[in-house]
């Protein structure tokens, strides 16, 4: 059986306890809070508790976060499945390539392809969806390039410092 968590230049792996410093840095970077809907910083205690929960099965927690490693086995980001619904065979997805120096190397595209394989073959999902700010053209392009289709727009859905923004709903059928 092929490794469903490997694709192209990346490997997806579970979060390990030694990742806490990295997660602390990434989760508390206020520059990306607008894409993650974060409003408050995370303590190391909260992250340690999250790590304990992440060891549980996706069927119990309804979410899964994996670290994206590049070809040198360096962590470059995360990919999340959330709102996992085994009955309706779907889940939401989010992805982060944290440092700008690691963007535009194909890591996000490869990570999406790996998670598609995993979601279809290991979890039996029919579809994956994403919610992205209409102003985040880079992310929308990434998801459309990966086969997602825009299926809706939530008007004035996201409150930002500069006012209200629309949010685009995208879906990808896996089967």
N, C-alpha and C. Protein backbone atom coordinates (compact mmCIF):
# COMPACT_ATOMS: atom_id res chain seq x y z
N UNK A 1 0.85 -1.19 0.00
CA UNK A 1 0.00 0.00 0.00
C UNK A 1 0.89 1.24 0.00
N UNK A 2 0.54 2.19 -0.83
CA UNK A 2 1.35 3.41 -0.88
C UNK A 2 1.14 4.27 0.36
N UNK A 3 2.11 5.11 0.65
CA UNK A 3 2.01 6.02 1.78
C UNK A 3 1.11 7.18 1.38
N UNK A 4 -0.07 7.23 1.96
CA UNK A 4 -1.05 8.26 1.61
C UNK A 4 -0.66 9.64 2.10
N UNK A 5 0.33 9.73 2.98
CA UNK A 5 0.71 11.01 3.56
C UNK A 5 1.96 11.60 2.91
N UNK A 6 2.35 11.06 1.78
CA UNK A 6 3.49 11.55 1.02
C UNK A 6 3.02 11.90 -0.38
N UNK A 7 3.47 13.04 -0.87
CA UNK A 7 3.13 13.44 -2.24
C UNK A 7 4.17 14.44 -2.72
N UNK A 8 4.74 14.19 -3.88
CA UNK A 8 5.71 15.13 -4.43
C UNK A 8 6.86 15.39 -3.49
N UNK A 9 7.00 16.67 -3.09
CA UNK A 9 8.13 17.10 -2.25
C UNK A 9 7.81 17.12 -0.76
N UNK A 10 6.63 16.64 -0.36
CA UNK A 10 6.27 16.77 1.06
C UNK A 10 5.90 15.44 1.69
N UNK A 11 5.95 15.46 3.01
CA UNK A 11 5.44 14.38 3.85
C UNK A 11 4.54 15.04 4.89
N UNK A 12 3.37 14.47 5.10
CA UNK A 12 2.50 14.91 6.19
C UNK A 12 2.74 13.97 7.36
N UNK A 13 2.87 14.55 8.54
CA UNK A 13 3.09 13.72 9.73
C UNK A 13 2.29 14.28 10.90
N UNK A 14 2.00 13.40 11.87
CA UNK A 14 1.29 13.88 13.06
C UNK A 14 2.12 14.91 13.83
N UNK A 15 1.44 15.69 14.63
CA UNK A 15 2.11 16.64 15.52
C UNK A 15 2.77 15.86 16.65
N UNK A 16 3.99 16.23 16.96
CA UNK A 16 4.76 15.60 18.04
C UNK A 16 4.95 16.60 19.18
N UNK A 17 5.20 16.12 20.41
CA UNK A 17 5.42 17.04 21.53
C UNK A 17 6.52 18.06 21.28
N UNK A 18 7.56 17.67 20.54
CA UNK A 18 8.66 18.62 20.27
C UNK A 18 8.24 19.73 19.30
N UNK A 19 7.04 19.66 18.74
CA UNK A 19 6.54 20.71 17.85
C UNK A 19 5.92 21.88 18.61
N UNK A 20 5.84 21.80 19.93
CA UNK A 20 5.13 22.82 20.69
C UNK A 20 5.72 24.21 20.50
N UNK A 21 7.05 24.34 20.45
CA UNK A 21 7.68 25.65 20.25
C UNK A 21 7.32 26.22 18.88
N UNK A 22 7.34 25.36 17.88
CA UNK A 22 6.99 25.77 16.51
C UNK A 22 5.53 26.19 16.44
N UNK A 23 4.64 25.40 17.00
CA UNK A 23 3.21 25.76 17.02
C UNK A 23 2.96 27.04 17.79
N UNK A 24 3.69 27.20 18.89
CA UNK A 24 3.57 28.43 19.69
C UNK A 24 3.92 29.65 18.83
N UNK A 25 4.99 29.54 18.05
CA UNK A 25 5.41 30.63 17.17
C UNK A 25 4.37 30.86 16.06
N UNK A 26 3.95 29.80 15.40
CA UNK A 26 3.01 29.93 14.28
C UNK A 26 1.64 30.42 14.73
N UNK A 27 1.10 29.83 15.79
CA UNK A 27 -0.26 30.18 16.25
C UNK A 27 -0.33 31.60 16.81
N UNK A 28 0.79 32.12 17.29
CA UNK A 28 0.78 33.45 17.88
C UNK A 28 1.30 34.53 16.93
N UNK A 29 1.43 34.20 15.67
CA UNK A 29 1.82 35.18 14.66
C UNK A 29 0.58 35.97 14.25
N UNK A 30 0.47 37.19 14.75
CA UNK A 30 -0.74 37.99 14.52
C UNK A 30 -0.95 38.33 13.05
N UNK A 31 0.10 38.24 12.24
CA UNK A 31 -0.03 38.54 10.82
C UNK A 31 -0.93 37.54 10.09
N UNK A 32 -1.08 36.34 10.62
CA UNK A 32 -1.92 35.34 9.95
C UNK A 32 -3.23 35.09 10.68
N UNK A 33 -3.50 35.82 11.73
CA UNK A 33 -4.73 35.61 12.48
C UNK A 33 -5.98 35.85 11.62
N UNK A 34 -5.89 36.76 10.68
CA UNK A 34 -7.09 37.04 9.87
C UNK A 34 -7.48 35.83 9.02
N UNK A 35 -6.53 34.99 8.61
CA UNK A 35 -6.88 33.80 7.81
C UNK A 35 -7.30 32.64 8.68
N UNK A 36 -6.88 32.62 9.92
CA UNK A 36 -7.23 31.50 10.79
C UNK A 36 -8.38 31.81 11.75
N UNK A 37 -8.94 33.02 11.65
CA UNK A 37 -10.01 33.45 12.55
C UNK A 37 -9.60 33.39 14.01
N UNK A 38 -8.34 33.65 14.28
CA UNK A 38 -7.82 33.68 15.64
C UNK A 38 -7.93 35.11 16.17
N UNK A 39 -8.30 35.24 17.42
CA UNK A 39 -8.42 36.56 18.03
C UNK A 39 -7.59 36.71 19.29
N UNK A 40 -7.14 35.59 19.85
CA UNK A 40 -6.37 35.66 21.08
C UNK A 40 -5.14 34.75 20.97
N UNK A 41 -4.07 35.10 21.66
CA UNK A 41 -2.87 34.26 21.61
C UNK A 41 -3.10 32.92 22.33
N UNK A 42 -2.28 31.94 21.96
CA UNK A 42 -2.33 30.62 22.59
C UNK A 42 -1.16 30.49 23.55
N UNK A 43 -1.43 29.97 24.74
CA UNK A 43 -0.36 29.69 25.69
C UNK A 43 0.24 28.32 25.37
N UNK A 44 1.43 28.09 25.90
CA UNK A 44 2.04 26.77 25.72
C UNK A 44 1.22 25.70 26.43
N UNK A 45 0.58 26.07 27.53
CA UNK A 45 -0.29 25.12 28.24
C UNK A 45 -1.45 24.69 27.34
N UNK A 46 -2.10 25.65 26.71
CA UNK A 46 -3.23 25.33 25.81
C UNK A 46 -2.75 24.47 24.65
N UNK A 47 -1.61 24.79 24.10
CA UNK A 47 -1.07 23.99 22.99
C UNK A 47 -0.71 22.58 23.45
N UNK A 48 -0.19 22.44 24.67
CA UNK A 48 0.12 21.11 25.21
C UNK A 48 -1.16 20.29 25.38
N UNK A 49 -2.22 20.94 25.83
CA UNK A 49 -3.51 20.25 25.94
C UNK A 49 -4.03 19.85 24.57
N UNK A 50 -3.85 20.73 23.59
CA UNK A 50 -4.26 20.41 22.22
C UNK A 50 -3.48 19.21 21.70
N UNK A 51 -2.18 19.16 22.00
CA UNK A 51 -1.36 18.02 21.59
C UNK A 51 -1.88 16.72 22.18
N UNK A 52 -2.32 16.76 23.43
CA UNK A 52 -2.90 15.56 24.05
C UNK A 52 -4.15 15.12 23.30
N UNK A 53 -5.00 16.08 22.96
CA UNK A 53 -6.24 15.78 22.22
C UNK A 53 -5.94 15.27 20.82
N UNK A 54 -4.87 15.78 20.21
CA UNK A 54 -4.58 15.42 18.82
C UNK A 54 -4.17 13.95 18.70
N UNK A 55 -3.84 13.32 19.81
CA UNK A 55 -3.50 11.89 19.77
C UNK A 55 -4.75 11.03 19.62
N UNK A 56 -5.92 11.63 19.85
CA UNK A 56 -7.17 10.89 19.73
C UNK A 56 -7.53 10.73 18.26
N UNK A 57 -8.41 9.80 18.00
CA UNK A 57 -8.86 9.47 16.66
C UNK A 57 -9.72 10.59 16.06
N UNK A 58 -9.61 10.80 14.76
CA UNK A 58 -10.40 11.82 14.07
C UNK A 58 -11.90 11.58 14.23
N UNK A 59 -12.31 10.32 14.41
CA UNK A 59 -13.72 10.02 14.59
C UNK A 59 -14.22 10.52 15.94
N UNK A 60 -13.31 10.68 16.89
CA UNK A 60 -13.68 11.19 18.21
C UNK A 60 -13.60 12.72 18.26
N UNK A 61 -12.52 13.28 17.73
CA UNK A 61 -12.30 14.73 17.85
C UNK A 61 -12.91 15.53 16.71
N UNK A 62 -13.20 14.86 15.59
CA UNK A 62 -13.76 15.49 14.38
C UNK A 62 -12.78 16.45 13.72
N UNK A 63 -11.49 16.33 14.05
CA UNK A 63 -10.47 17.17 13.43
C UNK A 63 -9.14 16.44 13.41
N UNK A 64 -8.28 16.90 12.50
CA UNK A 64 -6.94 16.32 12.37
C UNK A 64 -6.02 17.41 11.86
N UNK A 65 -4.91 17.61 12.54
CA UNK A 65 -3.88 18.55 12.08
C UNK A 65 -2.61 17.76 11.84
N UNK A 66 -2.01 18.01 10.68
CA UNK A 66 -0.77 17.36 10.32
C UNK A 66 0.28 18.40 9.97
N UNK A 67 1.52 18.11 10.29
CA UNK A 67 2.65 18.97 9.95
C UNK A 67 3.07 18.66 8.52
N UNK A 68 3.33 19.70 7.74
CA UNK A 68 3.85 19.55 6.39
C UNK A 68 5.37 19.67 6.48
N UNK A 69 6.07 18.62 6.06
CA UNK A 69 7.53 18.64 6.02
C UNK A 69 7.99 18.68 4.57
N UNK A 70 9.05 19.45 4.32
CA UNK A 70 9.59 19.52 2.97
C UNK A 70 10.54 18.35 2.72
N UNK A 71 11.20 18.38 1.57
CA UNK A 71 12.09 17.28 1.19
C UNK A 71 13.28 17.11 2.13
N UNK A 72 13.60 18.13 2.92
CA UNK A 72 14.67 18.05 3.91
C UNK A 72 14.14 17.69 5.30
N UNK A 73 12.86 17.30 5.35
CA UNK A 73 12.16 16.94 6.59
C UNK A 73 12.03 18.10 7.56
N UNK A 74 12.06 19.33 7.04
CA UNK A 74 11.85 20.53 7.85
C UNK A 74 10.37 20.88 7.84
N UNK A 75 9.79 21.20 9.00
CA UNK A 75 8.39 21.61 9.02
C UNK A 75 8.22 22.98 8.35
N UNK A 76 7.29 23.04 7.39
CA UNK A 76 7.04 24.30 6.69
C UNK A 76 5.62 24.80 6.89
N UNK A 77 4.74 23.96 7.45
CA UNK A 77 3.36 24.39 7.63
C UNK A 77 2.50 23.29 8.22
N UNK A 78 1.20 23.54 8.15
CA UNK A 78 0.22 22.57 8.66
C UNK A 78 -0.94 22.46 7.67
N UNK A 79 -1.59 21.33 7.72
CA UNK A 79 -2.84 21.14 7.00
C UNK A 79 -3.83 20.56 8.01
N UNK A 80 -5.05 21.09 8.00
CA UNK A 80 -6.07 20.69 8.96
C UNK A 80 -7.30 20.17 8.25
N UNK A 81 -7.83 19.08 8.77
CA UNK A 81 -9.19 18.67 8.45
C UNK A 81 -10.02 18.99 9.68
N UNK A 82 -11.16 19.61 9.50
CA UNK A 82 -12.02 19.98 10.62
C UNK A 82 -13.47 19.74 10.25
N UNK A 83 -14.33 19.77 11.25
CA UNK A 83 -15.76 19.48 11.04
C UNK A 83 -15.93 18.18 10.25
N UNK A 84 -15.08 17.19 10.59
CA UNK A 84 -15.13 15.88 9.97
C UNK A 84 -16.50 15.27 10.22
N UNK A 85 -17.18 14.89 9.15
CA UNK A 85 -18.53 14.34 9.24
C UNK A 85 -18.56 13.01 8.47
N UNK A 86 -18.34 11.89 9.19
CA UNK A 86 -18.29 10.60 8.50
C UNK A 86 -19.63 10.19 7.90
N UNK A 87 -20.73 10.63 8.45
CA UNK A 87 -22.04 10.28 7.89
C UNK A 87 -22.24 10.92 6.52
N UNK A 88 -21.97 12.22 6.44
CA UNK A 88 -22.13 12.94 5.17
C UNK A 88 -20.86 12.87 4.32
N UNK A 89 -19.83 12.23 4.85
CA UNK A 89 -18.58 11.96 4.13
C UNK A 89 -17.91 13.23 3.63
N UNK A 90 -17.71 14.20 4.55
CA UNK A 90 -17.08 15.46 4.18
C UNK A 90 -16.29 16.02 5.37
N UNK A 91 -15.42 16.96 5.04
CA UNK A 91 -14.65 17.68 6.06
C UNK A 91 -14.22 19.02 5.48
N UNK A 92 -14.01 19.98 6.36
CA UNK A 92 -13.41 21.25 5.97
C UNK A 92 -11.90 21.10 5.96
N UNK A 93 -11.26 22.01 5.24
CA UNK A 93 -9.80 21.96 5.15
C UNK A 93 -9.22 23.35 5.30
N UNK A 94 -8.07 23.42 5.94
CA UNK A 94 -7.29 24.64 6.04
C UNK A 94 -5.83 24.30 5.87
N UNK A 95 -5.07 25.22 5.34
CA UNK A 95 -3.65 24.96 5.11
C UNK A 95 -2.86 26.23 5.41
N UNK A 96 -1.65 26.03 5.91
CA UNK A 96 -0.75 27.15 6.21
C UNK A 96 0.66 26.76 5.82
N UNK A 97 1.28 27.57 4.99
CA UNK A 97 2.73 27.53 4.79
C UNK A 97 3.20 28.80 5.49
N UNK A 98 3.84 28.64 6.64
CA UNK A 98 4.04 29.78 7.53
C UNK A 98 4.99 30.83 6.99
N UNK A 99 6.21 30.48 6.70
CA UNK A 99 7.20 31.49 6.29
C UNK A 99 7.09 31.78 4.80
N UNK A 100 7.14 33.06 4.47
CA UNK A 100 7.05 33.46 3.06
C UNK A 100 8.13 32.80 2.21
N UNK A 101 9.30 32.54 2.79
CA UNK A 101 10.40 31.92 2.03
C UNK A 101 10.05 30.51 1.57
N UNK A 102 9.08 29.87 2.22
CA UNK A 102 8.68 28.51 1.85
C UNK A 102 7.45 28.47 0.94
N UNK A 103 6.92 29.62 0.61
CA UNK A 103 5.76 29.68 -0.29
C UNK A 103 6.23 29.66 -1.74
N UNK A 104 5.34 29.25 -2.62
CA UNK A 104 5.62 29.18 -4.06
C UNK A 104 6.69 28.14 -4.40
N UNK A 105 6.77 27.09 -3.59
CA UNK A 105 7.66 25.97 -3.87
C UNK A 105 6.87 24.69 -4.17
N UNK A 106 5.54 24.81 -4.20
CA UNK A 106 4.70 23.65 -4.46
C UNK A 106 4.33 22.85 -3.22
N UNK A 107 4.76 23.29 -2.04
CA UNK A 107 4.48 22.54 -0.82
C UNK A 107 2.98 22.48 -0.53
N UNK A 108 2.28 23.59 -0.69
CA UNK A 108 0.84 23.61 -0.41
C UNK A 108 0.10 22.72 -1.39
N UNK A 109 0.45 22.79 -2.66
CA UNK A 109 -0.20 21.96 -3.68
C UNK A 109 0.04 20.49 -3.38
N UNK A 110 1.27 20.12 -3.06
CA UNK A 110 1.58 18.73 -2.75
C UNK A 110 0.85 18.29 -1.47
N UNK A 111 0.79 19.16 -0.47
CA UNK A 111 0.09 18.82 0.78
C UNK A 111 -1.40 18.59 0.52
N UNK A 112 -1.99 19.43 -0.32
CA UNK A 112 -3.41 19.23 -0.65
C UNK A 112 -3.61 17.89 -1.34
N UNK A 113 -2.75 17.56 -2.29
CA UNK A 113 -2.87 16.28 -2.98
C UNK A 113 -2.72 15.10 -2.02
N UNK A 114 -1.80 15.20 -1.09
CA UNK A 114 -1.62 14.13 -0.10
C UNK A 114 -2.86 13.99 0.77
N UNK A 115 -3.41 15.11 1.22
CA UNK A 115 -4.59 15.03 2.10
C UNK A 115 -5.81 14.56 1.33
N UNK A 116 -5.90 14.88 0.02
CA UNK A 116 -6.99 14.34 -0.80
C UNK A 116 -6.92 12.82 -0.83
N UNK A 117 -5.71 12.28 -1.09
CA UNK A 117 -5.54 10.83 -1.13
C UNK A 117 -5.92 10.20 0.20
N UNK A 118 -5.46 10.80 1.29
CA UNK A 118 -5.76 10.29 2.63
C UNK A 118 -7.26 10.35 2.91
N UNK A 119 -7.87 11.50 2.60
CA UNK A 119 -9.30 11.69 2.88
C UNK A 119 -10.15 10.68 2.10
N UNK A 120 -9.78 10.42 0.87
CA UNK A 120 -10.55 9.48 0.04
C UNK A 120 -10.28 8.03 0.44
N UNK A 121 -9.01 7.65 0.48
CA UNK A 121 -8.67 6.25 0.65
C UNK A 121 -8.69 5.77 2.11
N UNK A 122 -8.33 6.61 3.06
CA UNK A 122 -8.31 6.18 4.46
C UNK A 122 -9.60 6.53 5.20
N UNK A 123 -10.19 7.69 4.87
CA UNK A 123 -11.39 8.14 5.58
C UNK A 123 -12.68 7.92 4.79
N UNK A 124 -12.57 7.66 3.50
CA UNK A 124 -13.75 7.42 2.68
C UNK A 124 -14.60 8.64 2.43
N UNK A 125 -13.97 9.84 2.42
CA UNK A 125 -14.74 11.06 2.22
C UNK A 125 -15.14 11.23 0.76
N UNK A 126 -16.27 11.88 0.56
CA UNK A 126 -16.77 12.19 -0.78
C UNK A 126 -16.31 13.58 -1.21
N UNK A 127 -16.22 14.50 -0.23
CA UNK A 127 -15.86 15.87 -0.57
C UNK A 127 -15.13 16.57 0.56
N UNK A 128 -14.42 17.62 0.16
CA UNK A 128 -13.73 18.51 1.10
C UNK A 128 -14.12 19.93 0.72
N UNK A 129 -14.26 20.78 1.73
CA UNK A 129 -14.62 22.17 1.45
C UNK A 129 -13.69 23.13 2.17
N UNK A 130 -13.67 24.36 1.66
CA UNK A 130 -12.84 25.41 2.26
C UNK A 130 -13.63 26.71 2.29
N UNK A 131 -13.37 27.51 3.31
CA UNK A 131 -13.93 28.86 3.45
C UNK A 131 -12.76 29.83 3.41
N UNK A 132 -12.77 30.73 2.42
CA UNK A 132 -11.63 31.63 2.23
C UNK A 132 -12.13 33.05 2.01
N UNK A 133 -11.48 34.01 2.63
CA UNK A 133 -11.81 35.41 2.40
C UNK A 133 -11.74 35.70 0.90
N UNK A 134 -12.73 36.41 0.41
CA UNK A 134 -12.77 36.75 -1.02
C UNK A 134 -11.56 37.59 -1.42
N UNK A 135 -10.92 38.25 -0.47
CA UNK A 135 -9.74 39.06 -0.77
C UNK A 135 -8.45 38.25 -0.78
N UNK A 136 -8.52 37.01 -0.34
CA UNK A 136 -7.32 36.16 -0.31
C UNK A 136 -7.19 35.44 -1.65
N UNK A 137 -6.82 36.21 -2.67
CA UNK A 137 -6.76 35.69 -4.03
C UNK A 137 -5.72 34.58 -4.20
N UNK A 138 -4.64 34.65 -3.45
CA UNK A 138 -3.59 33.62 -3.55
C UNK A 138 -4.15 32.26 -3.10
N UNK A 139 -4.86 32.25 -1.98
CA UNK A 139 -5.43 30.99 -1.49
C UNK A 139 -6.54 30.48 -2.41
N UNK A 140 -7.37 31.37 -2.88
CA UNK A 140 -8.43 30.96 -3.80
C UNK A 140 -7.82 30.32 -5.04
N UNK A 141 -6.78 30.94 -5.57
CA UNK A 141 -6.10 30.38 -6.75
C UNK A 141 -5.52 29.00 -6.45
N UNK A 142 -4.88 28.83 -5.29
CA UNK A 142 -4.32 27.54 -4.88
C UNK A 142 -5.41 26.47 -4.87
N UNK A 143 -6.53 26.77 -4.24
CA UNK A 143 -7.60 25.78 -4.12
C UNK A 143 -8.26 25.50 -5.47
N UNK A 144 -8.45 26.51 -6.29
CA UNK A 144 -9.02 26.28 -7.61
C UNK A 144 -8.07 25.44 -8.46
N UNK A 145 -6.77 25.70 -8.37
CA UNK A 145 -5.77 24.92 -9.10
C UNK A 145 -5.81 23.46 -8.65
N UNK A 146 -6.18 23.23 -7.39
CA UNK A 146 -6.26 21.88 -6.84
C UNK A 146 -7.60 21.20 -7.12
N UNK A 147 -8.46 21.87 -7.90
CA UNK A 147 -9.72 21.25 -8.31
C UNK A 147 -10.95 21.68 -7.54
N UNK A 148 -10.83 22.64 -6.64
CA UNK A 148 -12.00 23.15 -5.93
C UNK A 148 -12.80 24.06 -6.85
N UNK A 149 -14.10 24.09 -6.63
CA UNK A 149 -15.01 24.96 -7.36
C UNK A 149 -15.69 25.91 -6.38
N UNK A 150 -15.79 27.18 -6.76
CA UNK A 150 -16.56 28.13 -5.95
C UNK A 150 -18.03 27.76 -6.07
N UNK A 151 -18.66 27.56 -4.94
CA UNK A 151 -20.09 27.20 -4.96
C UNK A 151 -20.94 28.20 -4.19
N UNK A 152 -20.33 29.19 -3.61
CA UNK A 152 -21.12 30.19 -2.89
C UNK A 152 -20.27 31.30 -2.33
N UNK A 153 -20.94 32.39 -1.99
CA UNK A 153 -20.30 33.53 -1.36
C UNK A 153 -21.15 33.96 -0.17
N UNK A 154 -20.51 34.08 0.97
CA UNK A 154 -21.16 34.58 2.17
C UNK A 154 -20.87 36.08 2.23
N UNK A 155 -21.88 36.88 2.06
CA UNK A 155 -21.73 38.33 1.99
C UNK A 155 -21.46 38.93 3.37
N UNK A 156 -20.50 39.85 3.42
CA UNK A 156 -20.15 40.55 4.67
C UNK A 156 -19.99 39.57 5.83
N UNK A 157 -19.29 38.50 5.59
CA UNK A 157 -19.20 37.40 6.55
C UNK A 157 -18.08 37.59 7.57
N UNK A 158 -16.99 38.24 7.16
CA UNK A 158 -15.81 38.37 8.01
C UNK A 158 -15.58 39.82 8.42
N UNK A 159 -15.55 40.06 9.70
CA UNK A 159 -15.27 41.40 10.22
C UNK A 159 -13.76 41.56 10.33
N UNK A 160 -13.23 42.60 9.71
CA UNK A 160 -11.80 42.87 9.76
C UNK A 160 -11.58 44.29 10.27
N UNK A 161 -10.34 44.63 10.47
CA UNK A 161 -9.99 45.99 10.91
C UNK A 161 -10.44 47.01 9.87
N UNK A 162 -10.40 46.61 8.59
CA UNK A 162 -10.74 47.52 7.50
C UNK A 162 -12.22 47.48 7.12
N UNK A 163 -13.01 46.67 7.82
CA UNK A 163 -14.43 46.57 7.49
C UNK A 163 -14.82 45.12 7.24
N UNK A 164 -15.93 44.95 6.57
CA UNK A 164 -16.47 43.62 6.32
C UNK A 164 -16.00 43.07 5.00
N UNK A 165 -15.75 41.75 4.98
CA UNK A 165 -15.33 41.07 3.75
C UNK A 165 -16.25 39.89 3.48
N UNK A 166 -16.38 39.58 2.21
CA UNK A 166 -17.10 38.38 1.81
C UNK A 166 -16.20 37.16 2.04
N UNK A 167 -16.83 36.00 2.20
CA UNK A 167 -16.11 34.75 2.30
C UNK A 167 -16.61 33.82 1.19
N UNK A 168 -15.67 33.20 0.50
CA UNK A 168 -15.99 32.30 -0.60
C UNK A 168 -16.02 30.87 -0.07
N UNK A 169 -17.03 30.11 -0.50
CA UNK A 169 -17.15 28.70 -0.15
C UNK A 169 -16.74 27.89 -1.36
N UNK A 170 -15.75 27.01 -1.17
CA UNK A 170 -15.25 26.18 -2.27
C UNK A 170 -15.39 24.70 -1.89
N UNK A 171 -15.68 23.86 -2.89
CA UNK A 171 -15.84 22.43 -2.67
C UNK A 171 -15.03 21.66 -3.70
N UNK A 172 -14.54 20.50 -3.26
CA UNK A 172 -13.87 19.57 -4.16
C UNK A 172 -14.48 18.19 -3.94
N UNK A 173 -14.99 17.62 -5.01
CA UNK A 173 -15.50 16.26 -4.95
C UNK A 173 -14.33 15.30 -5.12
N UNK A 174 -14.22 14.35 -4.22
CA UNK A 174 -13.12 13.39 -4.25
C UNK A 174 -13.51 12.14 -5.03
N UNK A 175 -14.81 11.90 -5.14
CA UNK A 175 -15.28 10.71 -5.87
C UNK A 175 -16.17 11.12 -7.03
